[in-house]
């Protein structure tokens, strides 16, 4: 349905434009007697009773002008007749043709009325009659008719086109303004994001200030690791001492096999302090290699529980030293 309406609308506009162009050409082709002439053809609207009964008021008669040398007596011709500054259109039968020059003739019609060939329009034999079109052409070619049917609609169309152009320009400017506003919004959003980033950086800096505590904790863990390492070294040293003591005991047994019963009796009588002093004296007399061998032998002979107990005892001693 919309397509049909658009087609009808476009068709009406097209026909109207053609009509206005045609009327404009007709007005521009006016002769001195206010008759439209296209070459040898004249458009004569029947507007009075002078041409009745052969022609009806409101008809449009298209008259073709013949060559002057072919116009003869007895032809019925159209011609202009002037009286008191006004021109009317008449038709009558020729009763005489007189040649004045090669381009001018004098014609005589019934009633002994003579007129120059300049007033000659054409023969009635070569006419075309279009009914009721004369009224329309007369209205369109009139001043008020052309003003209301041609000038005003054209002016309205021009103003509408101008308005649409201005509206489109404004719309484009509004779009540009919206784009600018969008750009400003984007800039403001960027500023907000930058401010957030700055705040996050400030918070990170504050967090970095608190990081030394974490570093201290890390240092404490490192110290614990060192303590564990020191504990292992102490265990190794103890094991070395015990190995040395075991070697010393084995050497004493080898050197004095015969006196074992006597030594057993003596060791029973020796106190713990004397034993420690004896072991330390032996260790001082031993080399480092001997000490290491003795410690390794002692570690091999110890169980896992004994090792753990030794490590815990060492940790307690170190904690006591720190507390002091």
Protein backbone atom coordinates (compact mmCIF):
# COMPACT_ATOMS: atom_id res chain seq x y z
CA UNK A 1 0.00 0.00 0.00
CA UNK A 2 2.83 2.38 0.85
CA UNK A 3 4.46 1.69 -2.50
CA UNK A 4 1.23 2.53 -4.34
CA UNK A 5 0.83 5.77 -2.37
CA UNK A 6 4.41 6.77 -3.06
CA UNK A 7 3.95 5.97 -6.76
CA UNK A 8 0.79 8.10 -6.98
CA UNK A 9 2.42 10.91 -5.07
CA UNK A 10 5.50 10.91 -7.27
CA UNK A 11 3.33 10.74 -10.39
CA UNK A 12 1.29 13.78 -9.32
CA UNK A 13 4.43 15.74 -8.55
CA UNK A 14 5.93 14.79 -11.91
CA UNK A 15 2.79 15.80 -13.83
CA UNK A 16 2.58 19.07 -11.91
CA UNK A 17 6.19 19.89 -12.74
CA UNK A 18 5.62 19.16 -16.42
CA UNK A 19 2.46 21.32 -16.40
CA UNK A 20 4.27 24.27 -14.82
CA UNK A 21 7.09 23.95 -17.35
CA UNK A 22 4.59 23.84 -20.23
CA UNK A 23 2.68 26.91 -18.98
CA UNK A 24 5.92 28.81 -18.52
CA UNK A 25 6.96 28.02 -22.08
CA UNK A 26 3.53 29.10 -23.31
CA UNK A 27 3.83 32.44 -21.56
CA UNK A 28 7.31 32.94 -22.93
CA UNK A 29 5.97 32.16 -26.45
CA UNK A 30 3.28 34.86 -26.33
CA UNK A 31 3.02 37.06 -29.41
CA UNK A 32 1.78 40.66 -29.55
CA UNK A 33 -1.84 39.50 -29.45
CA UNK A 34 -1.35 37.28 -26.29
CA UNK A 35 -1.59 34.08 -28.26
CA UNK A 36 0.90 31.27 -27.75
CA UNK A 37 2.80 30.47 -30.94
CA UNK A 38 5.13 27.52 -31.45
CA UNK A 39 6.69 27.96 -34.85
CA UNK A 40 3.83 27.81 -37.42
CA UNK A 41 1.24 26.61 -34.89
CA UNK A 42 -0.91 28.86 -32.72
CA UNK A 43 -2.81 27.78 -29.60
CA UNK A 44 -6.16 29.61 -29.69
CA UNK A 45 -8.48 29.18 -26.67
CA UNK A 46 -12.11 29.92 -27.55
CA UNK A 47 -13.21 32.51 -24.99
CA UNK A 48 -15.99 34.48 -26.80
CA UNK A 49 -18.90 33.96 -29.15
CA UNK A 50 -17.24 35.35 -32.28
CA UNK A 51 -16.24 31.88 -33.47
CA UNK A 52 -19.57 30.17 -32.86
CA UNK A 53 -21.32 28.00 -33.99
CA UNK A 54 -18.36 26.18 -35.55
CA UNK A 55 -16.28 26.43 -32.35
CA UNK A 56 -17.51 26.14 -28.75
CA UNK A 57 -16.39 28.31 -25.87
CA UNK A 58 -13.79 26.50 -23.76
CA UNK A 59 -12.28 24.52 -26.64
CA UNK A 60 -8.65 24.79 -27.64
CA UNK A 61 -7.99 25.20 -31.36
CA UNK A 62 -4.51 24.50 -32.72
CA UNK A 63 -4.12 26.35 -36.03
CA UNK A 64 -1.25 25.70 -38.45
CA UNK A 65 -0.04 28.58 -40.63
CA UNK A 66 0.40 27.74 -44.33
CA UNK A 67 2.88 29.34 -46.65
CA UNK A 68 1.62 32.61 -48.06
CA UNK A 69 2.06 31.61 -51.69
CA UNK A 70 -0.24 28.63 -51.11
CA UNK A 71 -3.13 30.67 -49.68
CA UNK A 72 -5.88 31.01 -52.33
CA UNK A 73 -9.27 32.59 -52.79
CA UNK A 74 -12.05 30.53 -51.24
CA UNK A 75 -9.94 29.36 -48.24
CA UNK A 76 -11.44 29.92 -44.80
CA UNK A 77 -8.74 31.49 -42.65
CA UNK A 78 -8.19 32.68 -39.09
CA UNK A 79 -6.91 36.23 -38.69
CA UNK A 80 -6.42 38.93 -36.05
CA UNK A 81 -8.66 41.94 -36.14
CA UNK A 82 -7.77 45.07 -34.18
CA UNK A 83 -10.17 47.71 -33.07
CA UNK A 84 -9.50 50.52 -30.56
CA UNK A 85 -6.19 48.93 -29.49
CA UNK A 86 -7.73 45.52 -28.82
CA UNK A 87 -7.25 42.40 -30.94
CA UNK A 88 -9.80 39.69 -31.56
CA UNK A 89 -9.64 36.43 -33.46
CA UNK A 90 -11.99 35.87 -36.39
CA UNK A 91 -12.32 33.50 -39.28
CA UNK A 92 -13.82 34.16 -42.70
CA UNK A 93 -13.68 33.11 -46.34
CA UNK A 94 -11.12 34.81 -48.61
CA UNK A 95 -12.49 36.69 -51.55
CA UNK A 96 -9.22 38.11 -52.77
CA UNK A 97 -5.44 37.63 -52.52
CA UNK A 98 -3.07 40.42 -53.58
CA UNK A 99 0.71 40.05 -53.56
CA UNK A 100 2.59 43.12 -52.35
CA UNK A 101 6.12 41.72 -51.91
CA UNK A 102 7.66 38.30 -51.70
CA UNK A 103 7.01 38.29 -47.93
CA UNK A 104 3.80 40.29 -47.70
CA UNK A 105 0.31 39.78 -49.06
CA UNK A 106 -3.01 41.55 -48.70
CA UNK A 107 -6.04 39.38 -48.09
CA UNK A 108 -9.68 40.33 -48.61
CA UNK A 109 -12.50 38.50 -46.83
CA UNK A 110 -16.26 38.63 -47.05
CA UNK A 111 -17.63 42.10 -46.34
CA UNK A 112 -14.75 43.68 -48.25
CA UNK A 113 -12.54 43.68 -45.15
CA UNK A 114 -8.84 43.76 -46.03
CA UNK A 115 -5.93 42.82 -43.73
CA UNK A 116 -2.20 42.30 -44.12
CA UNK A 117 -0.60 38.86 -44.11
CA UNK A 118 1.02 39.76 -40.79
CA UNK A 119 -2.45 39.22 -39.24
CA UNK A 120 -2.87 35.89 -40.92
CA UNK A 121 -3.04 32.88 -38.50
CA UNK A 122 -3.82 29.87 -40.66
CA UNK A 123 -6.43 27.94 -42.59
CA UNK A 124 -9.33 26.21 -40.88
CA UNK A 125 -8.60 23.04 -42.82
CA UNK A 126 -5.38 22.43 -40.84
CA UNK A 127 -6.84 22.92 -37.35
CA UNK A 128 -7.04 20.52 -34.38
CA UNK A 129 -9.78 21.00 -31.78
CA UNK A 130 -9.32 19.86 -28.15
CA UNK A 131 -12.55 20.25 -26.14
CA UNK A 132 -12.60 21.98 -22.73
CA UNK A 133 -8.82 22.51 -22.66
CA UNK A 134 -9.13 26.17 -23.65
CA UNK A 135 -10.59 27.06 -20.23
CA UNK A 136 -7.69 25.37 -18.42
CA UNK A 137 -5.06 27.02 -20.58
CA UNK A 138 -6.75 30.39 -20.18
CA UNK A 139 -6.72 30.05 -16.39
CA UNK A 140 -3.13 28.84 -16.27
CA UNK A 141 -1.89 31.61 -18.56
CA UNK A 142 -3.71 34.31 -16.60
CA UNK A 143 -1.76 36.34 -14.04
CA UNK A 144 -3.65 35.14 -10.98
CA UNK A 145 -3.87 31.59 -12.20
CA UNK A 146 -0.14 31.32 -12.79
CA UNK A 147 0.52 33.04 -9.46
CA UNK A 148 -1.59 30.61 -7.38
CA UNK A 149 -0.98 27.46 -9.40
CA UNK A 150 2.63 28.02 -10.35
CA UNK A 151 4.44 30.58 -8.23
CA UNK A 152 3.00 29.83 -4.79
CA UNK A 153 3.42 26.02 -4.92
CA UNK A 154 6.95 26.47 -6.23
CA UNK A 155 7.68 28.92 -3.45
CA UNK A 156 6.26 26.50 -0.87
CA UNK A 157 8.35 23.66 -2.30
CA UNK A 158 11.44 25.87 -2.23
CA UNK A 159 10.81 26.90 1.38
CA UNK A 160 10.19 23.29 2.39
CA UNK A 161 13.45 22.23 0.73
CA UNK A 162 15.28 25.06 2.45
CA UNK A 163 13.74 24.09 5.78
CA UNK A 164 14.73 20.45 5.33
CA UNK A 165 18.30 21.49 4.51
CA UNK A 166 18.49 23.72 7.59
CA UNK A 167 17.00 20.97 9.75
CA UNK A 168 19.54 18.48 8.45
CA UNK A 169 22.37 20.92 9.11
CA UNK A 170 21.10 21.45 12.65
CA UNK A 171 20.77 17.72 13.13
CA UNK A 172 24.36 17.26 12.01
CA UNK A 173 25.52 20.04 14.34
CA UNK A 174 23.56 18.43 17.18
CA UNK A 175 25.25 15.13 16.38
CA UNK A 176 28.60 16.90 16.47
CA UNK A 177 27.67 18.47 19.80
CA UNK A 178 26.65 15.05 21.09
CA UNK A 179 29.94 13.65 19.85
CA UNK A 180 31.77 16.46 21.64
CA UNK A 181 29.75 15.81 24.80
CA UNK A 182 30.54 12.10 24.46
CA UNK A 183 34.19 13.03 24.09
CA UNK A 184 33.99 15.17 27.23
CA UNK A 185 32.31 12.29 29.07
CA UNK A 186 35.07 9.96 27.94
CA UNK A 187 37.66 12.46 29.14
CA UNK A 188 35.91 12.73 32.51
CA UNK A 189 35.78 8.93 32.73
CA UNK A 190 39.50 8.80 31.95
CA UNK A 191 40.15 11.36 34.69
CA UNK A 192 38.15 9.28 37.16
CA UNK A 193 40.10 6.18 36.17
CA UNK A 194 43.39 8.04 36.56
CA UNK A 195 42.31 9.26 40.00
CA UNK A 196 41.41 5.69 40.97
CA UNK A 197 44.80 4.51 39.74
CA UNK A 198 46.51 7.21 41.79
CA UNK A 199 44.53 6.20 44.87
CA UNK A 200 45.50 2.57 44.30
CA UNK A 201 49.14 3.59 44.01
CA UNK A 202 48.86 5.54 47.28
CA UNK A 203 47.35 2.47 48.96
CA UNK A 204 50.15 0.33 47.55
CA UNK A 205 52.70 2.78 48.93
CA UNK A 206 51.01 2.57 52.32
CA UNK A 207 51.10 -1.20 52.10
CA UNK A 208 54.80 -1.07 51.18
CA UNK A 209 55.40 0.92 54.37
CA UNK A 210 53.96 -2.00 56.35
CA UNK A 211 56.08 -4.53 54.47
CA UNK A 212 59.10 -4.23 56.83
CA UNK A 213 57.07 -6.18 59.37
CA UNK A 214 56.77 -8.94 56.82
CA UNK A 215 60.49 -8.63 56.17
CA UNK A 216 61.13 -9.03 59.89
CA UNK A 217 59.00 -12.15 59.83
CA UNK A 218 61.05 -13.43 56.92
CA UNK A 219 64.22 -12.66 58.86
CA UNK A 220 62.81 -14.60 61.79
CA UNK A 221 62.17 -17.57 59.56
CA UNK A 222 65.72 -17.25 58.27
CA UNK A 223 66.99 -17.19 61.84
CA UNK A 224 64.97 -20.32 62.57
CA UNK A 225 66.56 -21.97 59.58
CA UNK A 226 69.96 -20.86 60.83
CA UNK A 227 69.10 -22.23 64.27
CA UNK A 228 68.17 -25.53 62.70
CA UNK A 229 71.45 -25.49 60.80
CA UNK A 230 73.33 -24.67 63.99
CA UNK A 231 71.47 -27.50 65.73
CA UNK A 232 72.63 -29.88 63.03
CA UNK A 233 76.19 -28.67 63.49
CA UNK A 234 75.93 -29.15 67.24
CA UNK A 235 74.58 -32.63 66.70
CA UNK A 236 77.47 -33.34 64.38
CA UNK A 237 79.92 -32.04 66.97
CA UNK A 238 78.34 -34.17 69.67
CA UNK A 239 78.41 -37.16 67.44
CA UNK A 240 82.05 -36.46 66.70
CA UNK A 241 82.79 -36.27 70.41
CA UNK A 242 80.93 -39.48 71.07
CA UNK A 243 82.79 -41.16 68.23
CA UNK A 244 86.07 -39.93 69.67
CA UNK A 245 85.11 -41.28 73.06
CA UNK A 246 84.21 -44.62 71.52
CA UNK A 247 87.57 -44.75 69.74
CA UNK A 248 89.39 -43.87 72.90
CA UNK A 249 87.62 -46.62 74.75
CA UNK A 250 88.40 -49.16 72.01
CA UNK A 251 92.05 -48.09 71.98
CA UNK A 252 92.30 -48.44 75.74
CA UNK A 253 90.77 -51.89 75.53
CA UNK A 254 93.29 -52.93 72.85
CA UNK A 255 96.27 -51.51 74.69
CA UNK A 256 95.43 -53.16 78.03
CA UNK A 257 93.69 -56.45 77.41
CA UNK A 258 95.18 -58.13 80.41
CA UNK A 259 94.09 -55.54 82.92
CA UNK A 260 90.38 -55.51 81.96
CA UNK A 261 89.09 -56.80 85.29
CA UNK A 262 91.12 -54.26 87.15
CA UNK A 263 89.91 -51.38 84.91
CA UNK A 264 86.35 -52.44 85.26
CA UNK A 265 86.74 -52.21 88.96
CA UNK A 266 88.41 -48.84 88.60
CA UNK A 267 85.74 -47.42 86.22
CA UNK A 268 83.09 -48.32 88.68
CA UNK A 269 84.83 -46.18 91.23
CA UNK A 270 85.34 -43.21 88.75
CA UNK A 271 82.72 -40.42 88.93
CA UNK A 272 80.90 -38.83 85.98
CA UNK A 273 82.97 -35.66 86.16
CA UNK A 274 86.14 -37.64 85.99
CA UNK A 275 84.77 -39.48 82.96
CA UNK A 276 84.05 -36.17 81.19
CA UNK A 277 87.50 -34.85 81.98
CA UNK A 278 89.04 -38.07 80.68
CA UNK A 279 87.00 -37.86 77.44
CA UNK A 280 87.93 -34.23 76.87
CA UNK A 281 91.59 -35.03 77.36
CA UNK A 282 91.32 -37.83 74.83
CA UNK A 283 89.52 -35.56 72.32
CA UNK A 284 92.21 -32.92 72.64
CA UNK A 285 94.83 -35.47 71.83
CA UNK A 286 92.89 -36.68 68.69
CA UNK A 287 93.14 -35.18 65.22
CA UNK A 288 90.19 -33.71 63.33
CA UNK A 289 89.95 -36.70 61.04
CA UNK A 290 89.72 -39.01 63.99
CA UNK A 291 87.02 -36.80 65.51
CA UNK A 292 84.97 -36.85 62.30
CA UNK A 293 85.25 -40.60 62.03
CA UNK A 294 84.19 -40.99 65.63
CA UNK A 295 81.19 -38.64 65.10
CA UNK A 296 80.03 -40.49 61.99
CA UNK A 297 80.18 -43.78 63.82
CA UNK A 298 78.15 -42.30 66.68
CA UNK A 299 75.48 -40.89 64.30
CA UNK A 300 75.09 -44.22 62.60
CA UNK A 301 74.54 -45.92 65.89
CA UNK A 302 71.83 -43.35 66.97
CA UNK A 303 68.13 -43.82 66.20
CA UNK A 304 65.80 -41.16 64.67
CA UNK A 305 64.14 -40.48 68.00
CA UNK A 306 67.50 -39.84 69.65
CA UNK A 307 68.39 -37.41 66.85
CA UNK A 308 65.10 -35.49 67.26
CA UNK A 309 65.53 -35.35 71.01
CA UNK A 310 69.05 -33.99 70.57
CA UNK A 311 67.79 -31.27 68.13
CA UNK A 312 65.00 -30.20 70.51
CA UNK A 313 67.42 -29.97 73.41
CA UNK A 314 69.71 -27.77 71.32
CA UNK A 315 66.78 -25.46 70.38
CA UNK A 316 65.81 -25.05 74.02
CA UNK A 317 69.36 -24.09 74.92
CA UNK A 318 69.47 -21.50 72.16
CA UNK A 319 66.12 -20.01 73.23
CA UNK A 320 67.34 -19.79 76.79
CA UNK A 321 70.46 -17.99 75.60
CA UNK A 322 68.37 -15.50 73.62
CA UNK A 323 66.05 -14.83 76.53
CA UNK A 324 69.06 -14.14 78.73
